[in-house]
PDB file of N, CA and C in Angstrom:
ATOM      1  N   MET A   1     114.634  69.618 -53.413  1.00  0.00           N
ATOM      2  CA  MET A   1     116.074  69.883 -54.027  1.00  0.00           C
ATOM      3  C   MET A   1     116.947  70.928 -53.262  1.00  0.00           C
ATOM      4  N   SER A   2     117.854  70.755 -52.629  1.00  0.00           N
ATOM      5  CA  SER A   2     118.738  71.730 -51.796  1.00  0.00           C
ATOM      6  C   SER A   2     119.279  72.830 -52.758  1.00  0.00           C
ATOM      7  N   GLU A   3     119.752  74.105 -52.316  1.00  0.00           N
ATOM      8  CA  GLU A   3     120.316  74.923 -53.277  1.00  0.00           C
ATOM      9  C   GLU A   3     121.768  74.366 -53.877  1.00  0.00           C
ATOM     10  N   LYS A   4     122.373  73.576 -52.759  1.00  0.00           N
ATOM     11  CA  LYS A   4     123.793  73.202 -53.215  1.00  0.00           C
ATOM     12  C   LYS A   4     123.387  72.042 -54.511  1.00  0.00           C
ATOM     13  N   ASP A   5     122.472  71.130 -54.247  1.00  0.00           N
ATOM     14  CA  ASP A   5     122.092  70.312 -55.648  1.00  0.00           C
ATOM     15  C   ASP A   5     121.813  71.051 -56.701  1.00  0.00           C
ATOM     16  N   GLU A   6     121.029  72.175 -56.571  1.00  0.00           N
ATOM     17  CA  GLU A   6     120.748  72.874 -57.809  1.00  0.00           C
ATOM     18  C   GLU A   6     121.894  73.449 -58.335  1.00  0.00           C
ATOM     19  N   ILE A   7     122.746  74.112 -57.789  1.00  0.00           N
ATOM     20  CA  ILE A   7     124.128  74.737 -58.410  1.00  0.00           C
ATOM     21  C   ILE A   7     124.718  73.804 -58.996  1.00  0.00           C
ATOM     22  N   LYS A   8     124.867  72.467 -58.456  1.00  0.00           N
ATOM     23  CA  LYS A   8     125.503  71.474 -59.050  1.00  0.00           C
ATOM     24  C   LYS A   8     124.783  70.843 -60.332  1.00  0.00           C
ATOM     25  N   LEU A   9     123.568  70.975 -60.419  1.00  0.00           N
ATOM     26  CA  LEU A   9     122.920  70.528 -61.680  1.00  0.00           C
ATOM     27  C   LEU A   9     123.025  71.227 -62.709  1.00  0.00           C
ATOM     28  N   PHE A  10     122.933  72.942 -62.409  1.00  0.00           N
ATOM     29  CA  PHE A  10     123.417  73.760 -63.372  1.00  0.00           C
ATOM     30  C   PHE A  10     124.304  73.836 -63.734  1.00  0.00           C
ATOM     31  N   ASP A  11     125.646  73.813 -62.990  1.00  0.00           N
ATOM     32  CA  ASP A  11     126.764  73.429 -63.612  1.00  0.00           C
ATOM     33  C   ASP A  11     127.256  72.416 -64.298  1.00  0.00           C
ATOM     34  N   ASP A  12     126.645  71.053 -64.132  1.00  0.00           N
ATOM     35  CA  ASP A  12     126.632  69.995 -64.858  1.00  0.00           C
ATOM     36  C   ASP A  12     125.982  70.106 -66.382  1.00  0.00           C
ATOM     37  N   ILE A  13     124.819  70.876 -66.315  1.00  0.00           N
ATOM     38  CA  ILE A  13     124.238  71.289 -67.570  1.00  0.00           C
ATOM     39  C   ILE A  13     125.031  72.122 -68.350  1.00  0.00           C
ATOM     40  N   ARG A  14     125.690  73.452 -67.822  1.00  0.00           N
ATOM     41  CA  ARG A  14     126.275  74.252 -68.652  1.00  0.00           C
ATOM     42  C   ARG A  14     127.597  73.556 -69.092  1.00  0.00           C
ATOM     43  N   GLU A  15     128.055  72.528 -68.370  1.00  0.00           N
ATOM     44  CA  GLU A  15     129.346  71.784 -69.034  1.00  0.00           C
ATOM     45  C   GLU A  15     129.048  70.841 -69.983  1.00  0.00           C
ATOM     46  N   GLY A  16     127.735  70.592 -69.967  1.00  0.00           N
ATOM     47  CA  GLY A  16     127.339  69.461 -71.135  1.00  0.00           C
ATOM     48  C   GLY A  16     127.175  70.517 -72.338  1.00  0.00           C
ATOM     49  N   ILE A  17     126.605  71.281 -72.072  1.00  0.00           N
ATOM     50  CA  ILE A  17     126.317  72.302 -73.272  1.00  0.00           C
ATOM     51  C   ILE A  17     127.353  72.857 -74.018  1.00  0.00           C
ATOM     52  N   MET A  18     128.735  73.211 -72.927  1.00  0.00           N
ATOM     53  CA  MET A  18     130.027  73.820 -73.767  1.00  0.00           C
ATOM     54  C   MET A  18     130.538  72.501 -74.301  1.00  0.00           C
ATOM     55  N   GLU A  19     130.218  71.272 -74.056  1.00  0.00           N
ATOM     56  CA  GLU A  19     130.933  69.996 -74.529  1.00  0.00           C
ATOM     57  C   GLU A  19     130.263  69.902 -75.862  1.00  0.00           C
ATOM     58  N   ALA A  20     129.100  69.851 -76.033  1.00  0.00           N
ATOM     59  CA  ALA A  20     128.389  69.618 -77.282  1.00  0.00           C
ATOM     60  C   ALA A  20     128.851  70.720 -78.239  1.00  0.00           C
ATOM     61  N   GLN A  21     128.807  72.004 -77.716  1.00  0.00           N
ATOM     62  CA  GLN A  21     129.194  73.195 -78.737  1.00  0.00           C
ATOM     63  C   GLN A  21     130.615  72.740 -79.254  1.00  0.00           C
ATOM     64  N   ARG A  22     131.700  72.284 -78.420  1.00  0.00           N
ATOM     65  CA  ARG A  22     132.825  71.839 -78.881  1.00  0.00           C
ATOM     66  C   ARG A  22     133.021  70.872 -79.930  1.00  0.00           C
ATOM     67  N   GLU A  23     132.091  69.904 -79.723  1.00  0.00           N
ATOM     68  CA  GLU A  23     131.906  68.818 -80.753  1.00  0.00           C
ATOM     69  C   GLU A  23     131.326  68.951 -81.835  1.00  0.00           C
ATOM     70  N   MET A  24     130.308  69.898 -81.794  1.00  0.00           N
ATOM     71  CA  MET A  24     129.699  70.243 -83.141  1.00  0.00           C
ATOM     72  C   MET A  24     130.681  71.139 -83.954  1.00  0.00           C
ATOM     73  N   LEU A  25     131.487  71.986 -83.266  1.00  0.00           N
ATOM     74  CA  LEU A  25     132.449  72.972 -83.941  1.00  0.00           C
ATOM     75  C   LEU A  25     133.713  72.435 -84.565  1.00  0.00           C
ATOM     76  N   MET A  26     133.892  71.161 -83.765  1.00  0.00           N
ATOM     77  CA  MET A  26     134.907  70.282 -84.335  1.00  0.00           C
ATOM     78  C   MET A  26     134.642  69.694 -85.445  1.00  0.00           C
ATOM     79  N   ARG A  27     133.384  68.883 -85.357  1.00  0.00           N
ATOM     80  CA  ARG A  27     133.025  68.348 -86.759  1.00  0.00           C
ATOM     81  C   ARG A  27     132.955  69.274 -87.747  1.00  0.00           C
ATOM     82  N   LYS A  28     132.284  70.299 -87.501  1.00  0.00           N
ATOM     83  CA  LYS A  28     132.158  71.286 -88.718  1.00  0.00           C
ATOM     84  C   LYS A  28     133.399  71.904 -89.397  1.00  0.00           C
ATOM     85  N   ALA A  29     134.426  72.088 -88.418  1.00  0.00           N
ATOM     86  CA  ALA A  29     135.587  72.481 -88.655  1.00  0.00           C
ATOM     87  C   ALA A  29     136.501  71.507 -89.642  1.00  0.00           C
ATOM     88  N   LYS A  30     136.369  70.067 -89.276  1.00  0.00           N
ATOM     89  CA  LYS A  30     137.004  68.994 -90.207  1.00  0.00           C
ATOM     90  C   LYS A  30     136.182  69.007 -91.824  1.00  0.00           C
ATOM     91  N   LEU A  31     134.915  69.459 -91.597  1.00  0.00           N
ATOM     92  CA  LEU A  31     134.506  69.801 -93.132  1.00  0.00           C
ATOM     93  C   LEU A  31     134.218  70.779 -93.634  1.00  0.00           C
ATOM     94  N   GLY A  32     135.000  71.748 -93.105  1.00  0.00           N
ATOM     95  CA  GLY A  32     135.331  73.191 -93.688  1.00  0.00           C
ATOM     96  C   GLY A  32     133.895  74.047 -93.665  1.00  0.00           C
ATOM     97  N   GLU A  33     133.013  73.644 -92.874  1.00  0.00           N
ATOM     98  CA  GLU A  33     131.913  74.572 -92.916  1.00  0.00           C
ATOM     99  C   GLU A  33     131.870  75.835 -91.995  1.00  0.00           C
ATOM    100  N   LEU A  34     130.888  76.655 -92.147  1.00  0.00           N
ATOM    101  CA  LEU A  34     130.697  77.798 -91.756  1.00  0.00           C
ATOM    102  C   LEU A  34     129.805  77.788 -90.335  1.00  0.00           C
ATOM    103  N   VAL A  35     129.662  78.745 -89.601  1.00  0.00           N
ATOM    104  CA  VAL A  35     128.792  78.785 -88.520  1.00  0.00           C
ATOM    105  C   VAL A  35     128.411  80.322 -88.464  1.00  0.00           C
ATOM    106  N   VAL A  36     127.281  80.568 -87.923  1.00  0.00           N
ATOM    107  CA  VAL A  36     126.782  81.777 -87.551  1.00  0.00           C
ATOM    108  C   VAL A  36     126.837  82.296 -86.281  1.00  0.00           C
ATOM    109  N   VAL A  37     127.595  83.253 -85.912  1.00  0.00           N
ATOM    110  CA  VAL A  37     127.652  83.815 -84.570  1.00  0.00           C
ATOM    111  C   VAL A  37     127.195  85.501 -84.890  1.00  0.00           C
ATOM    112  N   ALA A  38     126.828  85.615 -83.377  1.00  0.00           N
ATOM    113  CA  ALA A  38     126.257  87.138 -83.066  1.00  0.00           C
ATOM    114  C   ALA A  38     127.458  88.063 -82.676  1.00  0.00           C
ATOM    115  N   ASP A  39     127.693  89.244 -83.135  1.00  0.00           N
ATOM    116  CA  ASP A  39     128.614  90.230 -82.801  1.00  0.00           C
ATOM    117  C   ASP A  39     128.148  90.802 -81.278  1.00  0.00           C
ATOM    118  N   ASP A  40     128.781  91.867 -80.841  1.00  0.00           N
ATOM    119  CA  ASP A  40     128.322  92.385 -79.503  1.00  0.00           C
ATOM    120  C   ASP A  40     127.057  93.128 -79.635  1.00  0.00           C
ATOM    121  N   SER A  41     126.778  93.510 -80.793  1.00  0.00           N
ATOM    122  CA  SER A  41     125.497  94.320 -80.892  1.00  0.00           C
ATOM    123  C   SER A  41     124.423  93.324 -81.235  1.00  0.00           C
ATOM    124  N   GLY A  42     124.262  91.952 -81.209  1.00  0.00           N
ATOM    125  CA  GLY A  42     123.629  91.205 -81.656  1.00  0.00           C
ATOM    126  C   GLY A  42     123.360  90.796 -83.018  1.00  0.00           C
ATOM    127  N   MET A  43     124.026  91.364 -84.156  1.00  0.00           N
ATOM    128  CA  MET A  43     124.028  90.967 -85.508  1.00  0.00           C
ATOM    129  C   MET A  43     124.946  89.756 -85.854  1.00  0.00           C
ATOM    130  N   PRO A  44     123.950  89.247 -86.835  1.00  0.00           N
ATOM    131  CA  PRO A  44     124.888  87.779 -87.151  1.00  0.00           C
ATOM    132  C   PRO A  44     126.119  88.077 -88.018  1.00  0.00           C
ATOM    133  N   HIS A  45     126.977  87.013 -87.927  1.00  0.00           N
ATOM    134  CA  HIS A  45     127.872  87.060 -88.870  1.00  0.00           C
ATOM    135  C   HIS A  45     128.465  85.506 -89.070  1.00  0.00           C
ATOM    136  N   THR A  46     128.886  85.175 -90.348  1.00  0.00           N
ATOM    137  CA  THR A  46     129.201  83.868 -90.640  1.00  0.00           C
ATOM    138  C   THR A  46     130.717  83.674 -90.550  1.00  0.00           C
ATOM    139  N   ILE A  47     131.162  83.025 -90.131  1.00  0.00           N
ATOM    140  CA  ILE A  47     132.691  82.818 -89.705  1.00  0.00           C
ATOM    141  C   ILE A  47     133.253  81.073 -89.944  1.00  0.00           C
ATOM    142  N   SER A  48     134.211  80.834 -90.172  1.00  0.00           N
ATOM    143  CA  SER A  48     134.514  79.514 -90.286  1.00  0.00           C
ATOM    144  C   SER A  48     134.549  78.873 -88.800  1.00  0.00           C
ATOM    145  N   ALA A  49     134.165  77.820 -88.985  1.00  0.00           N
ATOM    146  CA  ALA A  49     134.301  76.809 -87.786  1.00  0.00           C
ATOM    147  C   ALA A  49     135.431  76.722 -86.929  1.00  0.00           C
ATOM    148  N   ASP A  50     136.649  76.734 -87.761  1.00  0.00           N
ATOM    149  CA  ASP A  50     137.955  76.852 -87.202  1.00  0.00           C
ATOM    150  C   ASP A  50     138.092  78.343 -86.326  1.00  0.00           C
ATOM    151  N   GLU A  51     137.550  79.118 -86.731  1.00  0.00           N
ATOM    152  CA  GLU A  51     137.693  80.539 -86.065  1.00  0.00           C
ATOM    153  C   GLU A  51     136.792  80.476 -84.904  1.00  0.00           C
ATOM    154  N   ALA A  52     135.711  80.007 -85.101  1.00  0.00           N
ATOM    155  CA  ALA A  52     134.573  79.861 -83.966  1.00  0.00           C
ATOM    156  C   ALA A  52     135.200  79.009 -82.757  1.00  0.00           C
ATOM    157  N   LEU A  53     135.935  77.935 -83.168  1.00  0.00           N
ATOM    158  CA  LEU A  53     136.664  76.990 -82.349  1.00  0.00           C
ATOM    159  C   LEU A  53     137.579  77.694 -81.228  1.00  0.00           C
ATOM    160  N   ARG A  54     138.424  78.669 -82.126  1.00  0.00           N
ATOM    161  CA  ARG A  54     139.380  79.285 -81.548  1.00  0.00           C
ATOM    162  C   ARG A  54     138.797  80.495 -80.569  1.00  0.00           C
ATOM    163  N   MET A  55     137.648  81.049 -81.128  1.00  0.00           N
ATOM    164  CA  MET A  55     136.930  82.087 -80.118  1.00  0.00           C
ATOM    165  C   MET A  55     136.381  81.218 -78.852  1.00  0.00           C
ATOM    166  N   LEU A  56     136.093  80.250 -78.830  1.00  0.00           N
ATOM    167  CA  LEU A  56     135.603  79.303 -77.819  1.00  0.00           C
ATOM    168  C   LEU A  56     136.760  78.897 -76.724  1.00  0.00           C
ATOM    169  N   ASP A  57     137.706  78.741 -77.501  1.00  0.00           N
ATOM    170  CA  ASP A  57     138.945  78.313 -76.679  1.00  0.00           C
ATOM    171  C   ASP A  57     139.314  79.673 -75.651  1.00  0.00           C
ATOM    172  N   LYS A  58     139.351  80.667 -76.345  1.00  0.00           N
ATOM    173  CA  LYS A  58     139.673  81.824 -75.833  1.00  0.00           C
ATOM    174  C   LYS A  58     138.931  82.458 -74.341  1.00  0.00           C
ATOM    175  N   ARG A  59     137.642  81.964 -74.909  1.00  0.00           N
ATOM    176  CA  ARG A  59     136.722  81.975 -73.727  1.00  0.00           C
ATOM    177  C   ARG A  59     136.968  81.356 -72.472  1.00  0.00           C
ATOM    178  N   SER A  60     137.186  80.207 -72.811  1.00  0.00           N
ATOM    179  CA  SER A  60     137.189  78.950 -71.558  1.00  0.00           C
ATOM    180  C   SER A  60     138.252  79.035 -70.701  1.00  0.00           C
TER     181      SER A  60
END
């Protein structure tokens, strides 16, 4: 596999993971569920799925 093919493969995987995360957060937001996220120091915090979806949108 060439380096170019490898880069494309990893880009496709990254995009798939982002899409799956978004779909999961959208489902959880519709159900009013919470999700666990880590802060900058790695400590876990529970937030609403709506807030996590907004954070994901900011990153994208």
